[in-house]
Amino acid sequence: MSAESGTLVVYTTTHCSDCRLAKDVLAETGTPYRHVNLDDSPEAAQTVMALNGGYRSVPTLVFPDGRVLVEPSRRELLDALKAQQRGY
């Protein structure tokens, strides 16, 4: 599962505080995204591990242009969202 149809894909786990932070930032900015919980999808866990050199790092965000952001801080995520809006 990767970014499809121009939608940001956010891979998380149930008890991940950084994942909650990322989802909060996306909600605050009104950014549409597709949420995939690794706890519910072994296939998604394999995708995340492939993206992260064998590590199950979350949150992992896959942007529509294929860029991948792993465990971003609030500032890193906001900067990436701004860059996406500008087409960078």
PDB file of N, CA and C in Angstrom:
ATOM      1  N   MET A   1       0.847  -1.182   0.000  1.00  0.00           N
ATOM      2  CA  MET A   1       0.000   0.000   0.000  1.00  0.00           C
ATOM      3  C   MET A   1       0.883   1.233   0.000  1.00  0.00           C
ATOM      4  N   SER A   2       0.710   2.027  -0.994  1.00  0.00           N
ATOM      5  CA  SER A   2       1.440   3.284  -1.056  1.00  0.00           C
ATOM      6  C   SER A   2       0.434   4.390  -1.299  1.00  0.00           C
ATOM      7  N   ALA A   3       0.945   5.591  -1.479  1.00  0.00           N
ATOM      8  CA  ALA A   3       0.045   6.720  -1.725  1.00  0.00           C
ATOM      9  C   ALA A   3      -0.715   6.460  -3.020  1.00  0.00           C
ATOM     10  N   GLU A   4      -2.008   6.523  -2.954  1.00  0.00           N
ATOM     11  CA  GLU A   4      -2.857   6.240  -4.100  1.00  0.00           C
ATOM     12  C   GLU A   4      -3.753   7.437  -4.363  1.00  0.00           C
ATOM     13  N   SER A   5      -4.001   7.706  -5.609  1.00  0.00           N
ATOM     14  CA  SER A   5      -4.962   8.738  -5.998  1.00  0.00           C
ATOM     15  C   SER A   5      -4.685  10.080  -5.338  1.00  0.00           C
ATOM     16  N   GLY A   6      -3.428  10.412  -5.152  1.00  0.00           N
ATOM     17  CA  GLY A   6      -3.109  11.710  -4.576  1.00  0.00           C
ATOM     18  C   GLY A   6      -3.394  11.829  -3.096  1.00  0.00           C
ATOM     19  N   THR A   7      -3.525  10.711  -2.401  1.00  0.00           N
ATOM     20  CA  THR A   7      -3.841  10.732  -0.975  1.00  0.00           C
ATOM     21  C   THR A   7      -2.618  10.376  -0.142  1.00  0.00           C
ATOM     22  N   LEU A   8      -2.386  11.130   0.893  1.00  0.00           N
ATOM     23  CA  LEU A   8      -1.345  10.829   1.867  1.00  0.00           C
ATOM     24  C   LEU A   8      -1.748   9.568   2.626  1.00  0.00           C
ATOM     25  N   VAL A   9      -0.811   8.636   2.792  1.00  0.00           N
ATOM     26  CA  VAL A   9      -1.076   7.415   3.548  1.00  0.00           C
ATOM     27  C   VAL A   9      -0.255   7.472   4.834  1.00  0.00           C
ATOM     28  N   VAL A  10      -0.927   7.247   5.968  1.00  0.00           N
ATOM     29  CA  VAL A  10      -0.280   7.322   7.275  1.00  0.00           C
ATOM     30  C   VAL A  10      -0.359   5.948   7.939  1.00  0.00           C
ATOM     31  N   TYR A  11       0.805   5.349   8.150  1.00  0.00           N
ATOM     32  CA  TYR A  11       0.899   4.047   8.810  1.00  0.00           C
ATOM     33  C   TYR A  11       1.169   4.275  10.292  1.00  0.00           C
ATOM     34  N   THR A  12       0.366   3.635  11.146  1.00  0.00           N
ATOM     35  CA  THR A  12       0.476   3.820  12.590  1.00  0.00           C
ATOM     36  C   THR A  12       0.305   2.483  13.314  1.00  0.00           C
ATOM     37  N   THR A  13       0.433   2.546  14.636  1.00  0.00           N
ATOM     38  CA  THR A  13       0.024   1.446  15.503  1.00  0.00           C
ATOM     39  C   THR A  13      -0.901   2.032  16.571  1.00  0.00           C
ATOM     40  N   THR A  14      -1.605   1.169  17.252  1.00  0.00           N
ATOM     41  CA  THR A  14      -2.639   1.600  18.189  1.00  0.00           C
ATOM     42  C   THR A  14      -2.112   2.446  19.346  1.00  0.00           C
ATOM     43  N   HIS A  15      -1.025   2.044  19.955  1.00  0.00           N
ATOM     44  CA  HIS A  15      -0.565   2.704  21.187  1.00  0.00           C
ATOM     45  C   HIS A  15       0.654   3.590  20.971  1.00  0.00           C
ATOM     46  N   CYS A  16       0.741   4.232  19.828  1.00  0.00           N
ATOM     47  CA  CYS A  16       1.907   5.049  19.468  1.00  0.00           C
ATOM     48  C   CYS A  16       1.590   6.530  19.679  1.00  0.00           C
ATOM     49  N   SER A  17       2.280   7.163  20.630  1.00  0.00           N
ATOM     50  CA  SER A  17       2.012   8.581  20.908  1.00  0.00           C
ATOM     51  C   SER A  17       2.462   9.476  19.755  1.00  0.00           C
ATOM     52  N   ASP A  18       3.554   9.136  19.081  1.00  0.00           N
ATOM     53  CA  ASP A  18       3.983   9.925  17.924  1.00  0.00           C
ATOM     54  C   ASP A  18       2.963   9.837  16.788  1.00  0.00           C
ATOM     55  N   CYS A  19       2.306   8.695  16.689  1.00  0.00           N
ATOM     56  CA  CYS A  19       1.265   8.529  15.667  1.00  0.00           C
ATOM     57  C   CYS A  19       0.080   9.445  15.968  1.00  0.00           C
ATOM     58  N   ARG A  20      -0.291   9.532  17.231  1.00  0.00           N
ATOM     59  CA  ARG A  20      -1.384  10.430  17.620  1.00  0.00           C
ATOM     60  C   ARG A  20      -1.020  11.874  17.307  1.00  0.00           C
ATOM     61  N   LEU A  21       0.220  12.250  17.567  1.00  0.00           N
ATOM     62  CA  LEU A  21       0.682  13.600  17.254  1.00  0.00           C
ATOM     63  C   LEU A  21       0.556  13.870  15.757  1.00  0.00           C
ATOM     64  N   ALA A  22       1.001  12.939  14.937  1.00  0.00           N
ATOM     65  CA  ALA A  22       0.929  13.127  13.484  1.00  0.00           C
ATOM     66  C   ALA A  22      -0.521  13.267  13.031  1.00  0.00           C
ATOM     67  N   LYS A  23      -1.402  12.413  13.539  1.00  0.00           N
ATOM     68  CA  LYS A  23      -2.812  12.503  13.154  1.00  0.00           C
ATOM     69  C   LYS A  23      -3.429  13.811  13.639  1.00  0.00           C
ATOM     70  N   ASP A  24      -3.022  14.293  14.806  1.00  0.00           N
ATOM     71  CA  ASP A  24      -3.513  15.584  15.302  1.00  0.00           C
ATOM     72  C   ASP A  24      -3.085  16.719  14.377  1.00  0.00           C
ATOM     73  N   VAL A  25      -1.827  16.707  13.934  1.00  0.00           N
ATOM     74  CA  VAL A  25      -1.338  17.745  13.018  1.00  0.00           C
ATOM     75  C   VAL A  25      -2.123  17.699  11.709  1.00  0.00           C
ATOM     76  N   LEU A  26      -2.362  16.511  11.201  1.00  0.00           N
ATOM     77  CA  LEU A  26      -3.114  16.384   9.949  1.00  0.00           C
ATOM     78  C   LEU A  26      -4.544  16.895  10.123  1.00  0.00           C
ATOM     79  N   ALA A  27      -5.152  16.616  11.266  1.00  0.00           N
ATOM     80  CA  ALA A  27      -6.503  17.112  11.535  1.00  0.00           C
ATOM     81  C   ALA A  27      -6.506  18.631  11.656  1.00  0.00           C
ATOM     82  N   GLU A  28      -5.532  19.181  12.374  1.00  0.00           N
ATOM     83  CA  GLU A  28      -5.447  20.638  12.551  1.00  0.00           C
ATOM     84  C   GLU A  28      -5.276  21.368  11.227  1.00  0.00           C
ATOM     85  N   THR A  29      -4.542  20.765  10.311  1.00  0.00           N
ATOM     86  CA  THR A  29      -4.276  21.411   9.023  1.00  0.00           C
ATOM     87  C   THR A  29      -5.313  21.054   7.966  1.00  0.00           C
ATOM     88  N   GLY A  30      -6.257  20.203   8.319  1.00  0.00           N
ATOM     89  CA  GLY A  30      -7.296  19.815   7.369  1.00  0.00           C
ATOM     90  C   GLY A  30      -6.765  18.974   6.219  1.00  0.00           C
ATOM     91  N   THR A  31      -5.691  18.246   6.475  1.00  0.00           N
ATOM     92  CA  THR A  31      -5.064  17.430   5.436  1.00  0.00           C
ATOM     93  C   THR A  31      -5.763  16.082   5.336  1.00  0.00           C
ATOM     94  N   PRO A  32      -6.297  15.762   4.164  1.00  0.00           N
ATOM     95  CA  PRO A  32      -6.915  14.443   4.005  1.00  0.00           C
ATOM     96  C   PRO A  32      -5.836  13.358   3.962  1.00  0.00           C
ATOM     97  N   TYR A  33      -6.137  12.216   4.543  1.00  0.00           N
ATOM     98  CA  TYR A  33      -5.176  11.120   4.531  1.00  0.00           C
ATOM     99  C   TYR A  33      -5.899   9.797   4.696  1.00  0.00           C
ATOM    100  N   ARG A  34      -5.200   8.743   4.336  1.00  0.00           N
ATOM    101  CA  ARG A  34      -5.700   7.388   4.525  1.00  0.00           C
ATOM    102  C   ARG A  34      -4.916   6.770   5.670  1.00  0.00           C
ATOM    103  N   HIS A  35      -5.604   6.330   6.697  1.00  0.00           N
ATOM    104  CA  HIS A  35      -4.977   5.761   7.892  1.00  0.00           C
ATOM    105  C   HIS A  35      -4.896   4.245   7.752  1.00  0.00           C
ATOM    106  N   VAL A  36      -3.705   3.686   8.019  1.00  0.00           N
ATOM    107  CA  VAL A  36      -3.519   2.238   8.009  1.00  0.00           C
ATOM    108  C   VAL A  36      -2.851   1.841   9.323  1.00  0.00           C
ATOM    109  N   ASN A  37      -3.543   1.014  10.108  1.00  0.00           N
ATOM    110  CA  ASN A  37      -3.029   0.565  11.400  1.00  0.00           C
ATOM    111  C   ASN A  37      -2.299  -0.767  11.210  1.00  0.00           C
ATOM    112  N   LEU A  38      -1.006  -0.792  11.526  1.00  0.00           N
ATOM    113  CA  LEU A  38      -0.210  -2.005  11.352  1.00  0.00           C
ATOM    114  C   LEU A  38      -0.707  -3.146  12.227  1.00  0.00           C
ATOM    115  N   ASP A  39      -1.335  -2.821  13.350  1.00  0.00           N
ATOM    116  CA  ASP A  39      -1.852  -3.861  14.235  1.00  0.00           C
ATOM    117  C   ASP A  39      -2.973  -4.655  13.569  1.00  0.00           C
ATOM    118  N   ASP A  40      -3.615  -4.055  12.578  1.00  0.00           N
ATOM    119  CA  ASP A  40      -4.734  -4.701  11.889  1.00  0.00           C
ATOM    120  C   ASP A  40      -4.347  -5.284  10.538  1.00  0.00           C
ATOM    121  N   SER A  41      -3.115  -5.045  10.090  1.00  0.00           N
ATOM    122  CA  SER A  41      -2.753  -5.434   8.734  1.00  0.00           C
ATOM    123  C   SER A  41      -1.304  -5.911   8.645  1.00  0.00           C
ATOM    124  N   PRO A  42      -1.094  -7.219   8.629  1.00  0.00           N
ATOM    125  CA  PRO A  42       0.264  -7.738   8.466  1.00  0.00           C
ATOM    126  C   PRO A  42       0.900  -7.281   7.144  1.00  0.00           C
ATOM    127  N   GLU A  43       0.076  -7.121   6.109  1.00  0.00           N
ATOM    128  CA  GLU A  43       0.593  -6.659   4.819  1.00  0.00           C
ATOM    129  C   GLU A  43       1.143  -5.239   4.937  1.00  0.00           C
ATOM    130  N   ALA A  44       0.441  -4.400   5.669  1.00  0.00           N
ATOM    131  CA  ALA A  44       0.898  -3.022   5.862  1.00  0.00           C
ATOM    132  C   ALA A  44       2.189  -3.003   6.669  1.00  0.00           C
ATOM    133  N   ALA A  45       2.299  -3.886   7.642  1.00  0.00           N
ATOM    134  CA  ALA A  45       3.530  -3.967   8.433  1.00  0.00           C
ATOM    135  C   ALA A  45       4.705  -4.321   7.527  1.00  0.00           C
ATOM    136  N   GLN A  46       4.495  -5.221   6.585  1.00  0.00           N
ATOM    137  CA  GLN A  46       5.549  -5.583   5.636  1.00  0.00           C
ATOM    138  C   GLN A  46       5.918  -4.394   4.755  1.00  0.00           C
ATOM    139  N   THR A  47       4.926  -3.621   4.344  1.00  0.00           N
ATOM    140  CA  THR A  47       5.181  -2.428   3.529  1.00  0.00           C
ATOM    141  C   THR A  47       6.045  -1.442   4.294  1.00  0.00           C
ATOM    142  N   VAL A  48       5.687  -1.188   5.546  1.00  0.00           N
ATOM    143  CA  VAL A  48       6.447  -0.242   6.367  1.00  0.00           C
ATOM    144  C   VAL A  48       7.878  -0.736   6.562  1.00  0.00           C
ATOM    145  N   MET A  49       8.037  -2.009   6.791  1.00  0.00           N
ATOM    146  CA  MET A  49       9.380  -2.553   6.968  1.00  0.00           C
ATOM    147  C   MET A  49      10.195  -2.418   5.683  1.00  0.00           C
ATOM    148  N   ALA A  50       9.566  -2.594   4.542  1.00  0.00           N
ATOM    149  CA  ALA A  50      10.263  -2.419   3.263  1.00  0.00           C
ATOM    150  C   ALA A  50      10.682  -0.964   3.067  1.00  0.00           C
ATOM    151  N   LEU A  51       9.843  -0.042   3.490  1.00  0.00           N
ATOM    152  CA  LEU A  51      10.151   1.387   3.357  1.00  0.00           C
ATOM    153  C   LEU A  51      11.243   1.839   4.323  1.00  0.00           C
ATOM    154  N   ASN A  52      11.385   1.135   5.448  1.00  0.00           N
ATOM    155  CA  ASN A  52      12.257   1.580   6.537  1.00  0.00           C
ATOM    156  C   ASN A  52      13.423   0.633   6.814  1.00  0.00           C
ATOM    157  N   GLY A  53      13.933   0.001   5.795  1.00  0.00           N
ATOM    158  CA  GLY A  53      15.119  -0.832   5.970  1.00  0.00           C
ATOM    159  C   GLY A  53      14.944  -1.976   6.951  1.00  0.00           C
ATOM    160  N   GLY A  54      13.741  -2.549   6.991  1.00  0.00           N
ATOM    161  CA  GLY A  54      13.479  -3.680   7.867  1.00  0.00           C
ATOM    162  C   GLY A  54      12.913  -3.324   9.227  1.00  0.00           C
ATOM    163  N   TYR A  55      12.772  -2.033   9.491  1.00  0.00           N
ATOM    164  CA  TYR A  55      12.240  -1.588  10.781  1.00  0.00           C
ATOM    165  C   TYR A  55      10.758  -1.262  10.672  1.00  0.00           C
ATOM    166  N   ARG A  56      10.044  -1.546  11.730  1.00  0.00           N
ATOM    167  CA  ARG A  56       8.608  -1.270  11.791  1.00  0.00           C
ATOM    168  C   ARG A  56       8.398   0.094  12.455  1.00  0.00           C
ATOM    169  N   SER A  57       8.951   1.125  11.849  1.00  0.00           N
ATOM    170  CA  SER A  57       8.933   2.479  12.413  1.00  0.00           C
ATOM    171  C   SER A  57       7.627   3.184  12.082  1.00  0.00           C
ATOM    172  N   VAL A  58       7.005   3.728  13.122  1.00  0.00           N
ATOM    173  CA  VAL A  58       5.769   4.484  12.928  1.00  0.00           C
ATOM    174  C   VAL A  58       5.822   5.758  13.754  1.00  0.00           C
ATOM    175  N   PRO A  59       5.150   6.797  13.307  1.00  0.00           N
ATOM    176  CA  PRO A  59       4.385   6.813  12.067  1.00  0.00           C
ATOM    177  C   PRO A  59       5.301   6.881  10.846  1.00  0.00           C
ATOM    178  N   THR A  60       4.846   6.236   9.788  1.00  0.00           N
ATOM    179  CA  THR A  60       5.467   6.362   8.477  1.00  0.00           C
ATOM    180  C   THR A  60       4.415   6.977   7.577  1.00  0.00           C
ATOM    181  N   LEU A  61       4.772   8.088   6.946  1.00  0.00           N
ATOM    182  CA  LEU A  61       3.844   8.792   6.063  1.00  0.00           C
ATOM    183  C   LEU A  61       4.370   8.716   4.640  1.00  0.00           C
ATOM    184  N   VAL A  62       3.506   8.320   3.711  1.00  0.00           N
ATOM    185  CA  VAL A  62       3.871   8.249   2.301  1.00  0.00           C
ATOM    186  C   VAL A  62       3.041   9.294   1.567  1.00  0.00           C
ATOM    187  N   PHE A  63       3.741  10.277   1.005  1.00  0.00           N
ATOM    188  CA  PHE A  63       3.080  11.372   0.302  1.00  0.00           C
ATOM    189  C   PHE A  63       2.722  10.953  -1.118  1.00  0.00           C
ATOM    190  N   PRO A  64       1.758  11.631  -1.728  1.00  0.00           N
ATOM    191  CA  PRO A  64       1.334  11.269  -3.082  1.00  0.00           C
ATOM    192  C   PRO A  64       2.474  11.253  -4.103  1.00  0.00           C
ATOM    193  N   ASP A  65       3.503  12.069  -3.884  1.00  0.00           N
ATOM    194  CA  ASP A  65       4.626  12.096  -4.829  1.00  0.00           C
ATOM    195  C   ASP A  65       5.664  11.017  -4.530  1.00  0.00           C
ATOM    196  N   GLY A  66       5.390  10.170  -3.527  1.00  0.00           N
ATOM    197  CA  GLY A  66       6.285   9.074  -3.203  1.00  0.00           C
ATOM    198  C   GLY A  66       7.263   9.354  -2.076  1.00  0.00           C
ATOM    199  N   ARG A  67       7.337  10.610  -1.624  1.00  0.00           N
ATOM    200  CA  ARG A  67       8.222  10.924  -0.498  1.00  0.00           C
ATOM    201  C   ARG A  67       7.750  10.192   0.750  1.00  0.00           C
ATOM    202  N   VAL A  68       8.713   9.778   1.559  1.00  0.00           N
ATOM    203  CA  VAL A  68       8.407   9.053   2.791  1.00  0.00           C
ATOM    204  C   VAL A  68       8.967   9.841   3.969  1.00  0.00           C
ATOM    205  N   LEU A  69       8.152  10.018   4.981  1.00  0.00           N
ATOM    206  CA  LEU A  69       8.554  10.713   6.197  1.00  0.00           C
ATOM    207  C   LEU A  69       8.342   9.741   7.360  1.00  0.00           C
ATOM    208  N   VAL A  70       9.401   9.520   8.142  1.00  0.00           N
ATOM    209  CA  VAL A  70       9.353   8.525   9.212  1.00  0.00           C
ATOM    210  C   VAL A  70       9.570   9.195  10.563  1.00  0.00           C
ATOM    211  N   GLU A  71       8.660   8.929  11.483  1.00  0.00           N
ATOM    212  CA  GLU A  71       8.726   9.458  12.848  1.00  0.00           C
ATOM    213  C   GLU A  71       9.035  10.954  12.874  1.00  0.00           C
ATOM    214  N   PRO A  72       8.253  11.752  12.150  1.00  0.00           N
ATOM    215  CA  PRO A  72       8.557  13.186  12.099  1.00  0.00           C
ATOM    216  C   PRO A  72       8.169  13.912  13.382  1.00  0.00           C
ATOM    217  N   SER A  73       8.897  14.979  13.655  1.00  0.00           N
ATOM    218  CA  SER A  73       8.479  15.888  14.721  1.00  0.00           C
ATOM    219  C   SER A  73       7.309  16.706  14.177  1.00  0.00           C
ATOM    220  N   ARG A  74       6.660  17.426  15.036  1.00  0.00           N
ATOM    221  CA  ARG A  74       5.559  18.301  14.607  1.00  0.00           C
ATOM    222  C   ARG A  74       6.052  19.275  13.538  1.00  0.00           C
ATOM    223  N   ARG A  75       7.193  19.899  13.772  1.00  0.00           N
ATOM    224  CA  ARG A  75       7.752  20.877  12.832  1.00  0.00           C
ATOM    225  C   ARG A  75       8.085  20.228  11.491  1.00  0.00           C
ATOM    226  N   GLU A  76       8.713  19.043  11.526  1.00  0.00           N
ATOM    227  CA  GLU A  76       9.059  18.346  10.279  1.00  0.00           C
ATOM    228  C   GLU A  76       7.812  18.023   9.466  1.00  0.00           C
ATOM    229  N   LEU A  77       6.757  17.596  10.143  1.00  0.00           N
ATOM    230  CA  LEU A  77       5.524  17.269   9.442  1.00  0.00           C
ATOM    231  C   LEU A  77       4.885  18.520   8.861  1.00  0.00           C
ATOM    232  N   LEU A  78       4.827  19.590   9.635  1.00  0.00           N
ATOM    233  CA  LEU A  78       4.259  20.841   9.116  1.00  0.00           C
ATOM    234  C   LEU A  78       5.053  21.341   7.912  1.00  0.00           C
ATOM    235  N   ASP A  79       6.376  21.260   7.974  1.00  0.00           N
ATOM    236  CA  ASP A  79       7.213  21.688   6.849  1.00  0.00           C
ATOM    237  C   ASP A  79       6.958  20.829   5.614  1.00  0.00           C
ATOM    238  N   ALA A  80       6.818  19.528   5.803  1.00  0.00           N
ATOM    239  CA  ALA A  80       6.557  18.625   4.679  1.00  0.00           C
ATOM    240  C   ALA A  80       5.193  18.903   4.058  1.00  0.00           C
ATOM    241  N   LEU A  81       4.202  19.204   4.892  1.00  0.00           N
ATOM    242  CA  LEU A  81       2.871  19.520   4.370  1.00  0.00           C
ATOM    243  C   LEU A  81       2.891  20.823   3.581  1.00  0.00           C
ATOM    244  N   LYS A  82       3.633  21.815   4.063  1.00  0.00           N
ATOM    245  CA  LYS A  82       3.760  23.081   3.333  1.00  0.00           C
ATOM    246  C   LYS A  82       4.449  22.860   1.998  1.00  0.00           C
ATOM    247  N   ALA A  83       5.495  22.056   1.993  1.00  0.00           N
ATOM    248  CA  ALA A  83       6.216  21.760   0.751  1.00  0.00           C
ATOM    249  C   ALA A  83       5.299  21.051  -0.238  1.00  0.00           C
ATOM    250  N   GLN A  84       4.460  20.150   0.261  1.00  0.00           N
ATOM    251  CA  GLN A  84       3.526  19.436  -0.609  1.00  0.00           C
ATOM    252  C   GLN A  84       2.542  20.414  -1.238  1.00  0.00           C
ATOM    253  N   GLN A  85       2.041  21.353  -0.451  1.00  0.00           N
ATOM    254  CA  GLN A  85       1.088  22.338  -0.969  1.00  0.00           C
ATOM    255  C   GLN A  85       1.715  23.197  -2.052  1.00  0.00           C
ATOM    256  N   ARG A  86       3.015  23.479  -1.911  1.00  0.00           N
ATOM    257  CA  ARG A  86       3.718  24.305  -2.892  1.00  0.00           C
ATOM    258  C   ARG A  86       4.209  23.497  -4.082  1.00  0.00           C
ATOM    259  N   GLY A  87       4.070  22.181  -3.990  1.00  0.00           N
ATOM    260  CA  GLY A  87       4.492  21.334  -5.089  1.00  0.00           C
ATOM    261  C   GLY A  87       5.960  20.974  -5.084  1.00  0.00           C
ATOM    262  N   TYR A  88       6.615  21.086  -3.926  1.00  0.00           N
ATOM    263  CA  TYR A  88       8.042  20.728  -3.826  1.00  0.00           C
ATOM    264  C   TYR A  88       8.202  19.284  -3.439  1.00  0.00           C
TER     265      TYR A  88
END
